[in-house]
Amino acid sequence: MKKIGIVDTTFARYDMASSASDELYSTGTGFTVVRYTVPGIKDIPVACKILFEDYECDIIMALGMPGPMPVDKMSAQIASTGIMEVQLEEKRHIIEVFVHEDEAKDDKELAWLSDKRTREHAINTYNLLFDPEKLTANAGTGLRQGFDDKGPAMDSNGYSHRH
């Protein structure tokens, strides 16, 4: 049985972990979810390390919601760098799912985006762990998590160069 870790924060204004768990369990089986909640995004890297080392998780979703202020952007970058360091140390994936408060025009859109981005990354997390060929099949297609997909870039002749 595989273990999928989910780190979330009390600073976030939406319960992204519940969306992640719901989507994971709707996508497949063969795993359990271990949830670990921390105060803010700068606490996420150590939580990921704990989930890998103490709880023996195979992959982790790191969920956070940076605020709109410059200090929040700086905190998000620090957290992201820490998350990358843990991934490299552990040689295991951490799917970072950050929804910045200022990405949305109002609370309704913020809730929608938080749910949609988290659910789409939950599917990516499941596929990385159980069916990575699904990700390979979508390489170069311009998929986005949350807002609309961009689609593949086309050359001057209208070809995308996907193989």
N, C-alpha and C. Protein backbone atom coordinates (compact mmCIF):
# COMPACT_ATOMS: atom_id res chain seq x y z
N MET A 1 0.85 -1.18 0.00
CA MET A 1 0.00 0.00 0.00
C MET A 1 0.90 1.24 0.00
N LYS A 2 0.67 2.12 -0.96
CA LYS A 2 1.43 3.38 -1.06
C LYS A 2 0.84 4.42 -0.11
N LYS A 3 1.67 5.42 0.21
CA LYS A 3 1.22 6.52 1.07
C LYS A 3 1.42 7.84 0.33
N ILE A 4 0.34 8.61 0.29
CA ILE A 4 0.39 9.95 -0.29
C ILE A 4 0.25 10.95 0.85
N GLY A 5 1.29 11.77 1.02
CA GLY A 5 1.26 12.80 2.04
C GLY A 5 0.61 14.07 1.51
N ILE A 6 -0.14 14.73 2.36
CA ILE A 6 -0.73 16.02 2.01
C ILE A 6 -0.39 16.99 3.13
N VAL A 7 0.34 18.05 2.78
CA VAL A 7 0.64 19.12 3.72
C VAL A 7 -0.25 20.31 3.36
N ASP A 8 -0.92 20.86 4.35
CA ASP A 8 -1.71 22.07 4.14
C ASP A 8 -1.45 23.04 5.28
N THR A 9 -2.02 24.24 5.19
CA THR A 9 -1.73 25.27 6.18
C THR A 9 -3.01 25.88 6.75
N THR A 10 -2.87 26.41 7.96
CA THR A 10 -3.99 27.13 8.57
C THR A 10 -4.11 28.54 7.97
N PHE A 11 -3.05 29.04 7.33
CA PHE A 11 -3.07 30.37 6.71
C PHE A 11 -3.97 30.39 5.47
N ALA A 12 -4.09 29.26 4.77
CA ALA A 12 -4.91 29.18 3.56
C ALA A 12 -6.36 29.52 3.89
N ARG A 13 -7.04 30.10 2.92
CA ARG A 13 -8.44 30.49 3.11
C ARG A 13 -9.42 29.48 2.51
N TYR A 14 -8.89 28.31 2.12
CA TYR A 14 -9.72 27.25 1.54
C TYR A 14 -9.12 25.92 1.97
N ASP A 15 -9.95 24.94 2.25
CA ASP A 15 -9.50 23.62 2.68
C ASP A 15 -9.09 22.79 1.46
N MET A 16 -7.90 23.07 0.96
CA MET A 16 -7.39 22.40 -0.22
C MET A 16 -7.14 20.91 0.03
N ALA A 17 -6.78 20.55 1.27
CA ALA A 17 -6.49 19.14 1.57
C ALA A 17 -7.72 18.26 1.39
N SER A 18 -8.89 18.77 1.75
CA SER A 18 -10.11 17.98 1.55
C SER A 18 -10.39 17.76 0.07
N SER A 19 -10.15 18.79 -0.75
CA SER A 19 -10.31 18.63 -2.21
C SER A 19 -9.32 17.61 -2.74
N ALA A 20 -8.08 17.67 -2.26
CA ALA A 20 -7.05 16.72 -2.73
C ALA A 20 -7.42 15.29 -2.37
N SER A 21 -7.80 15.07 -1.12
CA SER A 21 -8.17 13.72 -0.68
C SER A 21 -9.36 13.19 -1.45
N ASP A 22 -10.37 14.03 -1.60
CA ASP A 22 -11.57 13.62 -2.34
C ASP A 22 -11.22 13.21 -3.76
N GLU A 23 -10.41 14.02 -4.43
CA GLU A 23 -10.05 13.71 -5.83
C GLU A 23 -9.17 12.47 -5.92
N LEU A 24 -8.23 12.32 -5.00
CA LEU A 24 -7.38 11.13 -5.01
C LEU A 24 -8.21 9.87 -4.88
N TYR A 25 -9.11 9.85 -3.90
CA TYR A 25 -9.94 8.66 -3.69
C TYR A 25 -10.94 8.44 -4.82
N SER A 26 -11.29 9.49 -5.56
CA SER A 26 -12.14 9.34 -6.74
C SER A 26 -11.37 8.83 -7.94
N THR A 27 -10.05 9.02 -7.92
CA THR A 27 -9.21 8.66 -9.07
C THR A 27 -8.78 7.21 -9.04
N GLY A 28 -8.51 6.67 -7.86
CA GLY A 28 -8.02 5.29 -7.82
C GLY A 28 -7.88 4.77 -6.41
N THR A 29 -7.19 3.61 -6.32
CA THR A 29 -6.99 2.94 -5.04
C THR A 29 -5.53 2.55 -4.90
N GLY A 30 -5.22 1.83 -3.84
CA GLY A 30 -3.86 1.34 -3.63
C GLY A 30 -3.01 2.27 -2.79
N PHE A 31 -3.65 3.19 -2.06
CA PHE A 31 -2.90 4.15 -1.26
C PHE A 31 -3.73 4.57 -0.05
N THR A 32 -3.03 5.15 0.90
CA THR A 32 -3.66 5.86 2.00
C THR A 32 -3.14 7.28 2.00
N VAL A 33 -3.90 8.20 2.56
CA VAL A 33 -3.51 9.60 2.65
C VAL A 33 -3.09 9.90 4.09
N VAL A 34 -1.96 10.60 4.21
CA VAL A 34 -1.49 11.08 5.51
C VAL A 34 -1.49 12.60 5.43
N ARG A 35 -2.32 13.22 6.25
CA ARG A 35 -2.44 14.69 6.25
C ARG A 35 -1.63 15.28 7.39
N TYR A 36 -0.94 16.37 7.10
CA TYR A 36 -0.11 17.07 8.09
C TYR A 36 -0.35 18.56 7.88
N THR A 37 -0.94 19.22 8.87
CA THR A 37 -1.29 20.64 8.76
C THR A 37 -0.30 21.48 9.58
N VAL A 38 0.20 22.55 8.95
CA VAL A 38 1.15 23.47 9.58
C VAL A 38 0.58 24.89 9.53
N PRO A 39 1.17 25.82 10.29
CA PRO A 39 0.64 27.19 10.28
C PRO A 39 0.73 27.89 8.93
N GLY A 40 1.90 27.91 8.31
CA GLY A 40 2.07 28.68 7.07
C GLY A 40 2.98 27.99 6.08
N ILE A 41 3.15 28.62 4.92
CA ILE A 41 3.87 27.97 3.83
C ILE A 41 5.35 27.74 4.12
N LYS A 42 5.97 28.59 4.93
CA LYS A 42 7.38 28.36 5.24
C LYS A 42 7.58 27.14 6.14
N ASP A 43 6.51 26.61 6.71
CA ASP A 43 6.57 25.39 7.51
C ASP A 43 6.41 24.13 6.66
N ILE A 44 6.06 24.29 5.39
CA ILE A 44 5.79 23.15 4.53
C ILE A 44 7.02 22.27 4.28
N PRO A 45 8.20 22.83 3.97
CA PRO A 45 9.34 21.95 3.68
C PRO A 45 9.66 20.94 4.80
N VAL A 46 9.68 21.39 6.04
CA VAL A 46 9.99 20.45 7.12
C VAL A 46 8.86 19.44 7.29
N ALA A 47 7.62 19.85 7.07
CA ALA A 47 6.50 18.91 7.14
C ALA A 47 6.67 17.82 6.08
N CYS A 48 7.11 18.21 4.89
CA CYS A 48 7.36 17.22 3.83
C CYS A 48 8.45 16.25 4.24
N LYS A 49 9.51 16.77 4.82
CA LYS A 49 10.62 15.92 5.29
C LYS A 49 10.11 14.93 6.33
N ILE A 50 9.28 15.40 7.25
CA ILE A 50 8.70 14.53 8.28
C ILE A 50 7.82 13.47 7.64
N LEU A 51 7.01 13.86 6.66
CA LEU A 51 6.13 12.87 6.00
C LEU A 51 6.94 11.81 5.26
N PHE A 52 8.04 12.19 4.63
CA PHE A 52 8.88 11.20 3.96
C PHE A 52 9.60 10.30 4.97
N GLU A 53 10.22 10.89 5.96
CA GLU A 53 11.08 10.12 6.85
C GLU A 53 10.32 9.40 7.97
N ASP A 54 9.38 10.07 8.61
CA ASP A 54 8.71 9.47 9.76
C ASP A 54 7.44 8.70 9.38
N TYR A 55 6.78 9.12 8.30
CA TYR A 55 5.53 8.48 7.90
C TYR A 55 5.69 7.63 6.64
N GLU A 56 6.90 7.63 6.06
CA GLU A 56 7.24 6.81 4.90
C GLU A 56 6.31 7.04 3.70
N CYS A 57 5.99 8.32 3.44
CA CYS A 57 5.16 8.64 2.28
C CYS A 57 5.97 8.44 1.00
N ASP A 58 5.27 8.09 -0.07
CA ASP A 58 5.90 7.85 -1.37
C ASP A 58 5.92 9.11 -2.23
N ILE A 59 4.98 9.98 -2.02
CA ILE A 59 4.84 11.24 -2.76
C ILE A 59 4.05 12.19 -1.88
N ILE A 60 4.22 13.48 -2.10
CA ILE A 60 3.54 14.47 -1.26
C ILE A 60 2.94 15.56 -2.12
N MET A 61 1.77 16.03 -1.70
CA MET A 61 1.19 17.26 -2.23
C MET A 61 1.40 18.34 -1.19
N ALA A 62 2.01 19.45 -1.58
CA ALA A 62 2.25 20.58 -0.69
C ALA A 62 1.29 21.70 -1.08
N LEU A 63 0.31 21.96 -0.21
CA LEU A 63 -0.78 22.89 -0.52
C LEU A 63 -0.61 24.17 0.28
N GLY A 64 -0.63 25.30 -0.41
CA GLY A 64 -0.49 26.56 0.29
C GLY A 64 -1.17 27.70 -0.43
N MET A 65 -1.42 28.77 0.31
CA MET A 65 -2.07 29.94 -0.26
C MET A 65 -1.34 31.20 0.20
N PRO A 66 -0.34 31.62 -0.58
CA PRO A 66 0.34 32.87 -0.24
C PRO A 66 -0.60 34.06 -0.38
N GLY A 67 -0.44 35.01 0.51
CA GLY A 67 -1.24 36.23 0.46
C GLY A 67 -0.76 37.16 -0.65
N PRO A 68 -1.37 38.34 -0.76
CA PRO A 68 -1.09 39.25 -1.87
C PRO A 68 0.06 40.24 -1.63
N MET A 69 0.58 40.31 -0.43
CA MET A 69 1.59 41.32 -0.10
C MET A 69 2.99 40.87 -0.54
N PRO A 70 3.91 41.81 -0.76
CA PRO A 70 5.27 41.45 -1.15
C PRO A 70 5.94 40.45 -0.20
N VAL A 71 5.71 40.60 1.10
CA VAL A 71 6.29 39.65 2.05
C VAL A 71 5.73 38.24 1.83
N ASP A 72 4.47 38.14 1.40
CA ASP A 72 3.87 36.84 1.10
C ASP A 72 4.52 36.20 -0.12
N LYS A 73 4.81 37.03 -1.13
CA LYS A 73 5.48 36.52 -2.33
C LYS A 73 6.88 36.01 -1.97
N MET A 74 7.57 36.73 -1.10
CA MET A 74 8.89 36.31 -0.66
C MET A 74 8.80 35.00 0.13
N SER A 75 7.81 34.89 0.99
CA SER A 75 7.61 33.66 1.76
C SER A 75 7.32 32.48 0.84
N ALA A 76 6.54 32.73 -0.21
CA ALA A 76 6.22 31.67 -1.17
C ALA A 76 7.49 31.18 -1.88
N GLN A 77 8.36 32.11 -2.25
CA GLN A 77 9.61 31.73 -2.91
C GLN A 77 10.53 30.94 -1.98
N ILE A 78 10.59 31.37 -0.73
CA ILE A 78 11.41 30.65 0.26
C ILE A 78 10.85 29.24 0.46
N ALA A 79 9.54 29.12 0.59
CA ALA A 79 8.92 27.82 0.77
C ALA A 79 9.16 26.93 -0.44
N SER A 80 9.01 27.50 -1.63
CA SER A 80 9.21 26.74 -2.86
C SER A 80 10.64 26.22 -2.96
N THR A 81 11.60 27.06 -2.61
CA THR A 81 13.00 26.63 -2.63
C THR A 81 13.24 25.50 -1.63
N GLY A 82 12.65 25.62 -0.45
CA GLY A 82 12.77 24.56 0.54
C GLY A 82 12.14 23.27 0.08
N ILE A 83 11.00 23.36 -0.58
CA ILE A 83 10.33 22.17 -1.11
C ILE A 83 11.22 21.50 -2.15
N MET A 84 11.84 22.29 -3.02
CA MET A 84 12.74 21.71 -4.03
C MET A 84 13.92 21.01 -3.39
N GLU A 85 14.47 21.60 -2.33
CA GLU A 85 15.60 20.99 -1.62
C GLU A 85 15.21 19.64 -1.04
N VAL A 86 14.02 19.56 -0.44
CA VAL A 86 13.56 18.29 0.12
C VAL A 86 13.38 17.25 -0.99
N GLN A 87 12.81 17.64 -2.12
CA GLN A 87 12.66 16.71 -3.23
C GLN A 87 14.00 16.12 -3.65
N LEU A 88 15.00 16.98 -3.79
CA LEU A 88 16.31 16.52 -4.22
C LEU A 88 16.96 15.62 -3.17
N GLU A 89 16.83 15.97 -1.90
CA GLU A 89 17.39 15.14 -0.84
C GLU A 89 16.73 13.77 -0.79
N GLU A 90 15.43 13.74 -0.95
CA GLU A 90 14.66 12.50 -0.81
C GLU A 90 14.54 11.70 -2.11
N LYS A 91 14.83 12.35 -3.23
CA LYS A 91 14.64 11.72 -4.55
C LYS A 91 13.20 11.24 -4.73
N ARG A 92 12.27 12.05 -4.24
CA ARG A 92 10.84 11.76 -4.38
C ARG A 92 10.12 13.07 -4.67
N HIS A 93 9.01 12.95 -5.37
CA HIS A 93 8.26 14.12 -5.80
C HIS A 93 7.45 14.76 -4.68
N ILE A 94 7.45 16.08 -4.71
CA ILE A 94 6.52 16.89 -3.93
C ILE A 94 5.80 17.77 -4.95
N ILE A 95 4.52 17.59 -5.10
CA ILE A 95 3.74 18.39 -6.02
C ILE A 95 3.30 19.66 -5.29
N GLU A 96 3.91 20.77 -5.67
CA GLU A 96 3.61 22.05 -5.03
C GLU A 96 2.34 22.62 -5.65
N VAL A 97 1.36 22.88 -4.81
CA VAL A 97 0.09 23.45 -5.26
C VAL A 97 -0.15 24.73 -4.46
N PHE A 98 0.32 25.82 -5.02
CA PHE A 98 0.11 27.12 -4.39
C PHE A 98 -0.94 27.88 -5.18
N VAL A 99 -1.87 28.49 -4.48
CA VAL A 99 -2.85 29.38 -5.07
C VAL A 99 -2.63 30.73 -4.40
N HIS A 100 -2.15 31.69 -5.16
CA HIS A 100 -1.90 33.02 -4.62
C HIS A 100 -3.24 33.77 -4.53
N GLU A 101 -3.47 34.39 -3.39
CA GLU A 101 -4.74 35.08 -3.18
C GLU A 101 -5.07 36.08 -4.28
N ASP A 102 -4.06 36.74 -4.83
CA ASP A 102 -4.31 37.77 -5.85
C ASP A 102 -4.46 37.20 -7.26
N GLU A 103 -4.50 35.89 -7.40
CA GLU A 103 -4.81 35.29 -8.70
C GLU A 103 -6.30 35.41 -9.01
N ALA A 104 -7.11 35.55 -7.98
CA ALA A 104 -8.56 35.56 -8.14
C ALA A 104 -9.11 36.96 -7.93
N LYS A 105 -10.20 37.24 -8.62
CA LYS A 105 -10.80 38.58 -8.55
C LYS A 105 -11.66 38.77 -7.30
N ASP A 106 -12.13 37.64 -6.71
CA ASP A 106 -12.96 37.72 -5.50
C ASP A 106 -12.91 36.37 -4.78
N ASP A 107 -13.58 36.30 -3.63
CA ASP A 107 -13.55 35.07 -2.83
C ASP A 107 -14.16 33.88 -3.56
N LYS A 108 -15.21 34.13 -4.32
CA LYS A 108 -15.86 33.03 -5.06
C LYS A 108 -14.88 32.41 -6.06
N GLU A 109 -14.17 33.25 -6.80
CA GLU A 109 -13.19 32.73 -7.77
C GLU A 109 -12.00 32.08 -7.04
N LEU A 110 -11.62 32.63 -5.89
CA LEU A 110 -10.53 32.05 -5.11
C LEU A 110 -10.88 30.63 -4.66
N ALA A 111 -12.08 30.43 -4.19
CA ALA A 111 -12.53 29.09 -3.78
C ALA A 111 -12.57 28.15 -4.98
N TRP A 112 -13.12 28.62 -6.09
CA TRP A 112 -13.18 27.80 -7.31
C TRP A 112 -11.78 27.40 -7.77
N LEU A 113 -10.87 28.37 -7.84
CA LEU A 113 -9.50 28.11 -8.30
C LEU A 113 -8.77 27.16 -7.35
N SER A 114 -8.94 27.37 -6.06
CA SER A 114 -8.29 26.51 -5.08
C SER A 114 -8.73 25.06 -5.24
N ASP A 115 -10.02 24.87 -5.40
CA ASP A 115 -10.56 23.53 -5.58
C ASP A 115 -10.09 22.91 -6.90
N LYS A 116 -10.22 23.65 -7.99
CA LYS A 116 -9.90 23.10 -9.30
C LYS A 116 -8.41 22.79 -9.44
N ARG A 117 -7.55 23.73 -9.04
CA ARG A 117 -6.11 23.49 -9.16
C ARG A 117 -5.68 22.31 -8.30
N THR A 118 -6.22 22.24 -7.10
CA THR A 118 -5.86 21.14 -6.20
C THR A 118 -6.30 19.81 -6.77
N ARG A 119 -7.52 19.75 -7.28
CA ARG A 119 -8.03 18.49 -7.84
C ARG A 119 -7.22 18.05 -9.06
N GLU A 120 -6.87 18.99 -9.92
CA GLU A 120 -6.09 18.63 -11.11
C GLU A 120 -4.69 18.17 -10.73
N HIS A 121 -4.10 18.79 -9.71
CA HIS A 121 -2.79 18.32 -9.24
C HIS A 121 -2.89 16.99 -8.49
N ALA A 122 -4.03 16.73 -7.87
CA ALA A 122 -4.22 15.42 -7.22
C ALA A 122 -4.17 14.31 -8.26
N ILE A 123 -4.77 14.55 -9.41
CA ILE A 123 -4.71 13.57 -10.50
C ILE A 123 -3.27 13.41 -10.98
N ASN A 124 -2.55 14.53 -11.11
CA ASN A 124 -1.13 14.44 -11.49
C ASN A 124 -0.33 13.64 -10.46
N THR A 125 -0.63 13.85 -9.20
CA THR A 125 0.06 13.13 -8.13
C THR A 125 -0.20 11.65 -8.23
N TYR A 126 -1.45 11.29 -8.41
CA TYR A 126 -1.82 9.88 -8.55
C TYR A 126 -1.10 9.27 -9.76
N ASN A 127 -1.12 9.99 -10.88
CA ASN A 127 -0.49 9.47 -12.09
C ASN A 127 1.02 9.33 -11.95
N LEU A 128 1.67 10.28 -11.28
CA LEU A 128 3.11 10.15 -11.05
C LEU A 128 3.43 8.88 -10.27
N LEU A 129 2.58 8.55 -9.34
CA LEU A 129 2.81 7.39 -8.48
C LEU A 129 2.41 6.08 -9.12
N PHE A 130 1.29 6.06 -9.85
CA PHE A 130 0.74 4.80 -10.35
C PHE A 130 0.73 4.65 -11.87
N ASP A 131 0.72 5.73 -12.62
CA ASP A 131 0.55 5.63 -14.07
C ASP A 131 1.25 6.79 -14.79
N PRO A 132 2.59 6.89 -14.67
CA PRO A 132 3.31 8.03 -15.23
C PRO A 132 3.19 8.16 -16.75
N GLU A 133 2.82 7.10 -17.44
CA GLU A 133 2.65 7.18 -18.89
C GLU A 133 1.55 8.16 -19.28
N LYS A 134 0.58 8.35 -18.39
CA LYS A 134 -0.49 9.33 -18.68
C LYS A 134 0.08 10.74 -18.76
N LEU A 135 1.07 11.04 -17.94
CA LEU A 135 1.71 12.35 -18.00
C LEU A 135 2.51 12.48 -19.29
N THR A 136 3.23 11.43 -19.65
CA THR A 136 4.02 11.44 -20.89
C THR A 136 3.12 11.67 -22.10
N ALA A 137 1.95 11.06 -22.09
CA ALA A 137 1.01 11.23 -23.21
C ALA A 137 0.55 12.68 -23.35
N ASN A 138 0.61 13.45 -22.27
CA ASN A 138 0.17 14.85 -22.31
C ASN A 138 1.32 15.84 -22.41
N ALA A 139 2.54 15.36 -22.58
CA ALA A 139 3.69 16.27 -22.68
C ALA A 139 3.52 17.22 -23.86
N GLY A 140 3.81 18.48 -23.63
CA GLY A 140 3.76 19.48 -24.69
C GLY A 140 2.37 19.94 -25.08
N THR A 141 1.36 19.63 -24.26
CA THR A 141 -0.01 20.01 -24.64
C THR A 141 -0.48 21.30 -23.99
N GLY A 142 0.35 21.92 -23.16
CA GLY A 142 -0.03 23.20 -22.55
C GLY A 142 -1.11 23.09 -21.50
N LEU A 143 -1.16 21.95 -20.79
CA LEU A 143 -2.15 21.81 -19.73
C LEU A 143 -1.82 22.74 -18.58
N ARG A 144 -2.83 23.32 -17.99
CA ARG A 144 -2.69 24.19 -16.83
C ARG A 144 -3.59 23.64 -15.73
N GLN A 145 -3.21 23.85 -14.50
CA GLN A 145 -4.03 23.42 -13.37
C GLN A 145 -4.73 24.66 -12.81
N GLY A 146 -6.02 24.64 -12.91
CA GLY A 146 -6.83 25.77 -12.43
C GLY A 146 -7.50 26.46 -13.59
N PHE A 147 -6.86 27.50 -14.10
CA PHE A 147 -7.44 28.24 -15.22
C PHE A 147 -7.33 27.43 -16.52
N ASP A 148 -7.87 27.96 -17.61
CA ASP A 148 -7.93 27.24 -18.88
C ASP A 148 -6.55 26.79 -19.36
N ASP A 149 -6.54 25.64 -20.02
CA ASP A 149 -5.31 25.14 -20.65
C ASP A 149 -4.89 26.08 -21.77
N LYS A 150 -3.61 26.12 -22.07
CA LYS A 150 -3.09 26.99 -23.12
C LYS A 150 -3.00 26.27 -24.47
N GLY A 151 -2.86 24.95 -24.45
CA GLY A 151 -2.70 24.21 -25.69
C GLY A 151 -1.26 24.28 -26.16
N PRO A 152 -0.89 23.43 -27.11
CA PRO A 152 0.50 23.42 -27.59
C PRO A 152 0.81 24.65 -28.43
N ALA A 153 2.07 25.07 -28.38
CA ALA A 153 2.53 26.17 -29.23
C ALA A 153 2.63 25.67 -30.67
N MET A 154 2.25 26.50 -31.61
CA MET A 154 2.28 26.13 -33.03
C MET A 154 3.36 26.92 -33.75
N ASP A 155 4.02 26.26 -34.72
CA ASP A 155 4.99 26.99 -35.53
C ASP A 155 4.26 27.76 -36.64
N SER A 156 5.00 28.41 -37.52
CA SER A 156 4.39 29.25 -38.55
C SER A 156 3.55 28.44 -39.54
N ASN A 157 3.74 27.13 -39.59
CA ASN A 157 2.95 26.28 -40.48
C ASN A 157 1.76 25.64 -39.77
N GLY A 158 1.58 25.97 -38.49
CA GLY A 158 0.44 25.43 -37.75
C GLY A 158 0.69 24.07 -37.14
N TYR A 159 1.95 23.68 -36.96
CA TYR A 159 2.29 22.39 -36.36
C TYR A 159 2.82 22.58 -34.96
N SER A 160 2.52 21.62 -34.07
CA SER A 160 2.93 21.74 -32.68
C SER A 160 4.24 21.03 -32.36
N HIS A 161 4.72 20.18 -33.24
CA HIS A 161 5.96 19.42 -33.05
C HIS A 161 5.89 18.43 -31.89
N ARG A 162 4.69 18.02 -31.51
CA ARG A 162 4.55 16.94 -30.51
C ARG A 162 4.81 15.63 -31.21
N HIS A 163 5.52 14.77 -30.51
CA HIS A 163 5.83 13.44 -31.09
C HIS A 163 5.12 12.37 -30.33
